[in-house]
Amino acid sequence: MREIYRKRLTDILQGITGPANTSDLLIPIELSMDIEGIGGIFPGNVFQSAYIPKNYLDQTVFQLMEVNHEISSTGWTVSLKGIMRMSYIKRYGKEYEEKFLMDILQKDLQGAIDKAEDLINNCPSGNKANISDDAKILIIEMIFQLGGNGVSKFRKMWQALQQDPPDYAEASVQMLDSRWAKQTPNRAKEMAQHMKDCG
């Protein structure tokens, strides 16, 4: 970088009116903690801790990346690991109207429905899957969580669903034989059971 540019950028960043002198810069941090046993926490959720500096509390949240459970003779412990994310609402005071959020939800849901129809009519393993409406709803729910590309990779599940009649029991087994089932086991088990019950 040419020296004149380097000097100008240094002046902007570190000068009297630069961010280094007008605000406390937030250094990205990871936060790990152990808490007493609790269920219903999944990767992607956000959390906060009162044991961090106030400027972090005012502007950030931590997105959960890892959840580990340990049950021993001393009790149940949950280990959480999160990475810092800026909170737009906390930092800028921006709140969204319910209609705006519902429109986004509706758009995302319609996208999941359209992708489900596409996958059902053109199975990744070939042919069409003539499945029940209940099974279609489960596919839509999986797409809503994993995206169409993620659900298309459940090739053995699709092979089971395109049988005549569909083999819902085998499809449920294949749903559980996945990284998805390891990451969100409770949700995966519940949905796999619903798939099995479609038969």
C-alpha atoms as a PDB file:
ATOM      1  CA  MET A   1       0.000   0.000   0.000  1.00  0.00           C
ATOM      2  CA  ARG A   2       1.363   3.411  -0.863  1.00  0.00           C
ATOM      3  CA  GLU A   3       2.562   5.354   2.149  1.00  0.00           C
ATOM      4  CA  ILE A   4       0.200   8.269   1.542  1.00  0.00           C
ATOM      5  CA  TYR A   5      -2.815   5.923   1.666  1.00  0.00           C
ATOM      6  CA  ARG A   6      -1.518   4.155   4.744  1.00  0.00           C
ATOM      7  CA  LYS A   7      -1.059   7.490   6.532  1.00  0.00           C
ATOM      8  CA  ARG A   8      -4.533   8.710   5.528  1.00  0.00           C
ATOM      9  CA  LEU A   9      -6.234   5.493   6.726  1.00  0.00           C
ATOM     10  CA  THR A  10      -4.287   5.611   9.990  1.00  0.00           C
ATOM     11  CA  ASP A  11      -5.422   9.207  10.527  1.00  0.00           C
ATOM     12  CA  ILE A  12      -9.045   8.277   9.839  1.00  0.00           C
ATOM     13  CA  LEU A  13      -9.014   5.306  12.207  1.00  0.00           C
ATOM     14  CA  GLN A  14      -6.783   6.632  14.975  1.00  0.00           C
ATOM     15  CA  GLY A  15      -7.196  10.399  14.657  1.00  0.00           C
ATOM     16  CA  ILE A  16      -9.131  12.599  17.064  1.00  0.00           C
ATOM     17  CA  THR A  17     -12.443  11.915  15.306  1.00  0.00           C
ATOM     18  CA  GLY A  18     -11.671   8.315  14.367  1.00  0.00           C
ATOM     19  CA  PRO A  19     -13.417   5.308  15.912  1.00  0.00           C
ATOM     20  CA  ALA A  20     -10.385   4.442  18.036  1.00  0.00           C
ATOM     21  CA  ASN A  21     -10.853   7.697  19.941  1.00  0.00           C
ATOM     22  CA  THR A  22     -14.622   8.153  19.798  1.00  0.00           C
ATOM     23  CA  SER A  23     -15.944   4.716  20.739  1.00  0.00           C
ATOM     24  CA  ASP A  24     -14.972   1.496  22.435  1.00  0.00           C
ATOM     25  CA  LEU A  25     -14.293  -1.016  19.701  1.00  0.00           C
ATOM     26  CA  LEU A  26     -15.788  -4.450  20.235  1.00  0.00           C
ATOM     27  CA  ILE A  27     -13.336  -7.269  19.745  1.00  0.00           C
ATOM     28  CA  PRO A  28     -15.115 -10.418  18.465  1.00  0.00           C
ATOM     29  CA  ILE A  29     -15.157 -13.060  21.181  1.00  0.00           C
ATOM     30  CA  GLU A  30     -16.416 -16.584  21.716  1.00  0.00           C
ATOM     31  CA  LEU A  31     -18.234 -17.419  24.904  1.00  0.00           C
ATOM     32  CA  SER A  32     -18.300 -20.865  26.498  1.00  0.00           C
ATOM     33  CA  MET A  33     -20.188 -21.710  29.656  1.00  0.00           C
ATOM     34  CA  ASP A  34     -21.467 -24.666  31.634  1.00  0.00           C
ATOM     35  CA  ILE A  35     -24.957 -24.508  33.114  1.00  0.00           C
ATOM     36  CA  GLU A  36     -27.235 -26.868  34.980  1.00  0.00           C
ATOM     37  CA  GLY A  37     -29.079 -29.315  32.757  1.00  0.00           C
ATOM     38  CA  ILE A  38     -31.699 -27.789  30.488  1.00  0.00           C
ATOM     39  CA  GLY A  39     -33.382 -28.991  27.315  1.00  0.00           C
ATOM     40  CA  GLY A  40     -34.776 -27.183  24.278  1.00  0.00           C
ATOM     41  CA  ILE A  41     -31.549 -25.390  23.346  1.00  0.00           C
ATOM     42  CA  PHE A  42     -30.350 -25.891  19.783  1.00  0.00           C
ATOM     43  CA  PRO A  43     -27.466 -24.640  17.604  1.00  0.00           C
ATOM     44  CA  GLY A  44     -28.512 -21.362  15.998  1.00  0.00           C
ATOM     45  CA  ASN A  45     -30.343 -20.067  19.083  1.00  0.00           C
ATOM     46  CA  VAL A  46     -29.006 -16.863  20.621  1.00  0.00           C
ATOM     47  CA  PHE A  47     -28.210 -16.200  24.262  1.00  0.00           C
ATOM     48  CA  GLN A  48     -26.619 -13.598  26.522  1.00  0.00           C
ATOM     49  CA  SER A  49     -24.599 -13.588  29.673  1.00  0.00           C
ATOM     50  CA  ALA A  50     -24.569 -10.933  32.384  1.00  0.00           C
ATOM     51  CA  TYR A  51     -20.892 -11.732  33.011  1.00  0.00           C
ATOM     52  CA  ILE A  52     -19.546  -9.704  30.090  1.00  0.00           C
ATOM     53  CA  PRO A  53     -18.792  -5.957  29.793  1.00  0.00           C
ATOM     54  CA  LYS A  54     -21.798  -3.633  29.432  1.00  0.00           C
ATOM     55  CA  ASN A  55     -20.912  -2.462  25.914  1.00  0.00           C
ATOM     56  CA  TYR A  56     -21.102  -6.084  24.754  1.00  0.00           C
ATOM     57  CA  LEU A  57     -24.438  -6.546  26.537  1.00  0.00           C
ATOM     58  CA  ASP A  58     -25.804  -3.417  24.865  1.00  0.00           C
ATOM     59  CA  GLN A  59     -24.821  -4.303  21.317  1.00  0.00           C
ATOM     60  CA  THR A  60     -24.370  -8.050  20.907  1.00  0.00           C
ATOM     61  CA  VAL A  61     -25.834 -11.489  21.349  1.00  0.00           C
ATOM     62  CA  PHE A  62     -24.119 -14.867  21.142  1.00  0.00           C
ATOM     63  CA  GLN A  63     -25.210 -17.367  18.528  1.00  0.00           C
ATOM     64  CA  LEU A  64     -25.067 -20.926  19.784  1.00  0.00           C
ATOM     65  CA  MET A  65     -22.666 -23.104  17.789  1.00  0.00           C
ATOM     66  CA  GLU A  66     -22.279 -26.120  20.078  1.00  0.00           C
ATOM     67  CA  VAL A  67     -24.437 -27.753  22.738  1.00  0.00           C
ATOM     68  CA  ASN A  68     -23.079 -30.697  24.734  1.00  0.00           C
ATOM     69  CA  HIS A  69     -24.843 -32.597  27.507  1.00  0.00           C
ATOM     70  CA  GLU A  70     -23.032 -34.510  30.234  1.00  0.00           C
ATOM     71  CA  ILE A  71     -24.845 -36.661  32.733  1.00  0.00           C
ATOM     72  CA  SER A  72     -22.814 -38.059  35.594  1.00  0.00           C
ATOM     73  CA  SER A  73     -23.206 -39.072  39.219  1.00  0.00           C
ATOM     74  CA  THR A  74     -22.937 -35.391  40.163  1.00  0.00           C
ATOM     75  CA  GLY A  75     -25.796 -34.286  37.906  1.00  0.00           C
ATOM     76  CA  TRP A  76     -26.646 -32.992  34.448  1.00  0.00           C
ATOM     77  CA  THR A  77     -24.456 -30.291  32.889  1.00  0.00           C
ATOM     78  CA  VAL A  78     -24.957 -28.513  29.580  1.00  0.00           C
ATOM     79  CA  SER A  79     -21.953 -26.910  27.880  1.00  0.00           C
ATOM     80  CA  LEU A  80     -22.732 -24.024  25.529  1.00  0.00           C
ATOM     81  CA  LYS A  81     -20.381 -22.396  23.033  1.00  0.00           C
ATOM     82  CA  GLY A  82     -21.411 -19.282  21.144  1.00  0.00           C
ATOM     83  CA  ILE A  83     -19.882 -16.698  18.851  1.00  0.00           C
ATOM     84  CA  MET A  84     -20.559 -12.996  19.046  1.00  0.00           C
ATOM     85  CA  ARG A  85     -23.069 -11.438  16.641  1.00  0.00           C
ATOM     86  CA  MET A  86     -24.085  -7.797  16.453  1.00  0.00           C
ATOM     87  CA  SER A  87     -27.695  -7.261  17.481  1.00  0.00           C
ATOM     88  CA  TYR A  88     -29.268  -4.873  14.986  1.00  0.00           C
ATOM     89  CA  ILE A  89     -32.207  -4.106  17.269  1.00  0.00           C
ATOM     90  CA  LYS A  90     -29.974  -3.489  20.288  1.00  0.00           C
ATOM     91  CA  ARG A  91     -27.469  -1.392  18.392  1.00  0.00           C
ATOM     92  CA  TYR A  92     -29.771   0.684  16.214  1.00  0.00           C
ATOM     93  CA  GLY A  93     -33.081   0.415  18.061  1.00  0.00           C
ATOM     94  CA  LYS A  94     -34.721  -0.976  14.931  1.00  0.00           C
ATOM     95  CA  GLU A  95     -37.864  -3.001  15.453  1.00  0.00           C
ATOM     96  CA  TYR A  96     -39.950  -4.514  12.705  1.00  0.00           C
ATOM     97  CA  GLU A  97     -43.714  -4.504  12.386  1.00  0.00           C
ATOM     98  CA  GLU A  98     -45.464  -7.845  12.665  1.00  0.00           C
ATOM     99  CA  LYS A  99     -46.790  -7.624   9.082  1.00  0.00           C
ATOM    100  CA  PHE A 100     -43.254  -7.225   7.715  1.00  0.00           C
ATOM    101  CA  LEU A 101     -42.048 -10.274   9.654  1.00  0.00           C
ATOM    102  CA  MET A 102     -45.126 -12.307   8.668  1.00  0.00           C
ATOM    103  CA  ASP A 103     -44.515 -11.444   4.996  1.00  0.00           C
ATOM    104  CA  ILE A 104     -40.961 -12.783   5.288  1.00  0.00           C
ATOM    105  CA  LEU A 105     -42.229 -15.929   7.016  1.00  0.00           C
ATOM    106  CA  GLN A 106     -44.894 -16.433   4.340  1.00  0.00           C
ATOM    107  CA  LYS A 107     -42.332 -16.011   1.568  1.00  0.00           C
ATOM    108  CA  ASP A 108     -39.940 -18.494   3.203  1.00  0.00           C
ATOM    109  CA  LEU A 109     -42.762 -20.985   3.773  1.00  0.00           C
ATOM    110  CA  GLN A 110     -43.954 -20.719   0.162  1.00  0.00           C
ATOM    111  CA  GLY A 111     -40.368 -21.279  -0.991  1.00  0.00           C
ATOM    112  CA  ALA A 112     -40.211 -24.468   1.122  1.00  0.00           C
ATOM    113  CA  ILE A 113     -43.569 -25.660  -0.291  1.00  0.00           C
ATOM    114  CA  ASP A 114     -42.444 -25.031  -3.890  1.00  0.00           C
ATOM    115  CA  LYS A 115     -39.132 -26.823  -3.346  1.00  0.00           C
ATOM    116  CA  ALA A 116     -40.903 -29.767  -1.692  1.00  0.00           C
ATOM    117  CA  GLU A 117     -43.232 -30.125  -4.691  1.00  0.00           C
ATOM    118  CA  ASP A 118     -40.228 -30.018  -7.007  1.00  0.00           C
ATOM    119  CA  LEU A 119     -38.342 -32.692  -5.032  1.00  0.00           C
ATOM    120  CA  ILE A 120     -41.419 -34.914  -4.693  1.00  0.00           C
ATOM    121  CA  ASN A 121     -42.173 -34.735  -8.429  1.00  0.00           C
ATOM    122  CA  ASN A 122     -38.525 -35.139  -9.440  1.00  0.00           C
ATOM    123  CA  CYS A 123     -36.924 -37.246  -6.710  1.00  0.00           C
ATOM    124  CA  PRO A 124     -33.138 -36.965  -6.416  1.00  0.00           C
ATOM    125  CA  SER A 125     -33.083 -40.762  -6.793  1.00  0.00           C
ATOM    126  CA  GLY A 126     -35.291 -40.591  -9.922  1.00  0.00           C
ATOM    127  CA  ASN A 127     -39.056 -40.827 -10.572  1.00  0.00           C
ATOM    128  CA  LYS A 128     -41.893 -39.286  -8.584  1.00  0.00           C
ATOM    129  CA  ALA A 129     -42.767 -40.005  -4.962  1.00  0.00           C
ATOM    130  CA  ASN A 130     -46.498 -40.616  -4.537  1.00  0.00           C
ATOM    131  CA  ILE A 131     -46.607 -39.840  -0.847  1.00  0.00           C
ATOM    132  CA  SER A 132     -49.363 -38.891   1.569  1.00  0.00           C
ATOM    133  CA  ASP A 133     -50.183 -35.302   2.490  1.00  0.00           C
ATOM    134  CA  ASP A 134     -48.786 -35.910   5.984  1.00  0.00           C
ATOM    135  CA  ALA A 135     -45.462 -37.015   4.501  1.00  0.00           C
ATOM    136  CA  LYS A 136     -45.443 -33.946   2.235  1.00  0.00           C
ATOM    137  CA  ILE A 137     -45.862 -31.716   5.287  1.00  0.00           C
ATOM    138  CA  LEU A 138     -42.842 -33.416   6.894  1.00  0.00           C
ATOM    139  CA  ILE A 139     -40.769 -32.826   3.751  1.00  0.00           C
ATOM    140  CA  ILE A 140     -41.798 -29.146   3.775  1.00  0.00           C
ATOM    141  CA  GLU A 141     -40.796 -28.876   7.431  1.00  0.00           C
ATOM    142  CA  MET A 142     -37.412 -30.476   6.719  1.00  0.00           C
ATOM    143  CA  ILE A 143     -36.814 -28.052   3.834  1.00  0.00           C
ATOM    144  CA  PHE A 144     -37.808 -25.122   6.035  1.00  0.00           C
ATOM    145  CA  GLN A 145     -35.073 -26.163   8.468  1.00  0.00           C
ATOM    146  CA  LEU A 146     -32.383 -27.583   6.152  1.00  0.00           C
ATOM    147  CA  GLY A 147     -33.077 -25.986   2.781  1.00  0.00           C
ATOM    148  CA  GLY A 148     -33.952 -27.810  -0.419  1.00  0.00           C
ATOM    149  CA  ASN A 149     -30.363 -28.701  -1.223  1.00  0.00           C
ATOM    150  CA  GLY A 150     -29.891 -30.279   2.206  1.00  0.00           C
ATOM    151  CA  VAL A 151     -33.047 -32.401   1.950  1.00  0.00           C
ATOM    152  CA  SER A 152     -32.174 -33.500  -1.590  1.00  0.00           C
ATOM    153  CA  LYS A 153     -29.099 -35.266  -0.133  1.00  0.00           C
ATOM    154  CA  PHE A 154     -31.272 -37.745   1.816  1.00  0.00           C
ATOM    155  CA  ARG A 155     -31.032 -40.088  -1.186  1.00  0.00           C
ATOM    156  CA  LYS A 156     -31.937 -43.306   0.644  1.00  0.00           C
ATOM    157  CA  MET A 157     -34.957 -41.591   2.189  1.00  0.00           C
ATOM    158  CA  TRP A 158     -36.096 -40.566  -1.292  1.00  0.00           C
ATOM    159  CA  GLN A 159     -35.525 -44.103  -2.599  1.00  0.00           C
ATOM    160  CA  ALA A 160     -37.823 -45.405   0.142  1.00  0.00           C
ATOM    161  CA  LEU A 161     -40.474 -42.759  -0.582  1.00  0.00           C
ATOM    162  CA  GLN A 162     -40.632 -43.483  -4.307  1.00  0.00           C
ATOM    163  CA  GLN A 163     -41.484 -47.151  -3.722  1.00  0.00           C
ATOM    164  CA  ASP A 164     -45.021 -48.250  -4.577  1.00  0.00           C
ATOM    165  CA  PRO A 165     -46.377 -48.066  -1.936  1.00  0.00           C
ATOM    166  CA  PRO A 166     -43.917 -45.710  -0.224  1.00  0.00           C
ATOM    167  CA  ASP A 167     -41.816 -47.374   2.467  1.00  0.00           C
ATOM    168  CA  TYR A 168     -42.368 -44.825   5.245  1.00  0.00           C
ATOM    169  CA  ALA A 169     -40.680 -47.000   7.879  1.00  0.00           C
ATOM    170  CA  GLU A 170     -37.446 -47.168   5.871  1.00  0.00           C
ATOM    171  CA  ALA A 171     -37.673 -43.447   5.089  1.00  0.00           C
ATOM    172  CA  SER A 172     -37.842 -42.727   8.836  1.00  0.00           C
ATOM    173  CA  VAL A 173     -34.749 -44.895   9.432  1.00  0.00           C
ATOM    174  CA  GLN A 174     -32.861 -42.966   6.743  1.00  0.00           C
ATOM    175  CA  MET A 175     -33.925 -39.642   8.259  1.00  0.00           C
ATOM    176  CA  LEU A 176     -32.204 -40.675  11.486  1.00  0.00           C
ATOM    177  CA  ASP A 177     -29.067 -41.859   9.675  1.00  0.00           C
ATOM    178  CA  SER A 178     -27.880 -38.307   9.075  1.00  0.00           C
ATOM    179  CA  ARG A 179     -25.832 -35.433  10.425  1.00  0.00           C
ATOM    180  CA  TRP A 180     -29.127 -33.555  10.847  1.00  0.00           C
ATOM    181  CA  ALA A 181     -30.288 -36.179  13.359  1.00  0.00           C
ATOM    182  CA  LYS A 182     -27.056 -35.795  15.315  1.00  0.00           C
ATOM    183  CA  GLN A 183     -27.314 -31.987  15.384  1.00  0.00           C
ATOM    184  CA  THR A 184     -31.014 -31.778  16.327  1.00  0.00           C
ATOM    185  CA  PRO A 185     -31.799 -35.250  17.701  1.00  0.00           C
ATOM    186  CA  ASN A 186     -35.125 -34.497  19.402  1.00  0.00           C
ATOM    187  CA  ARG A 187     -36.603 -32.803  16.351  1.00  0.00           C
ATOM    188  CA  ALA A 188     -35.281 -35.496  14.010  1.00  0.00           C
ATOM    189  CA  LYS A 189     -36.663 -38.328  16.165  1.00  0.00           C
ATOM    190  CA  GLU A 190     -40.073 -36.695  16.387  1.00  0.00           C
ATOM    191  CA  MET A 191     -40.273 -36.097  12.628  1.00  0.00           C
ATOM    192  CA  ALA A 192     -38.966 -39.590  11.825  1.00  0.00           C
ATOM    193  CA  GLN A 193     -41.682 -41.072  14.039  1.00  0.00           C
ATOM    194  CA  HIS A 194     -44.317 -39.015  12.210  1.00  0.00           C
ATOM    195  CA  MET A 195     -42.900 -40.288   8.891  1.00  0.00           C
ATOM    196  CA  LYS A 196     -43.108 -43.866  10.122  1.00  0.00           C
ATOM    197  CA  ASP A 197     -46.731 -43.284  11.179  1.00  0.00           C
ATOM    198  CA  CYS A 198     -47.626 -42.256   7.616  1.00  0.00           C
ATOM    199  CA  GLY A 199     -47.538 -45.921   6.590  1.00  0.00           C
END
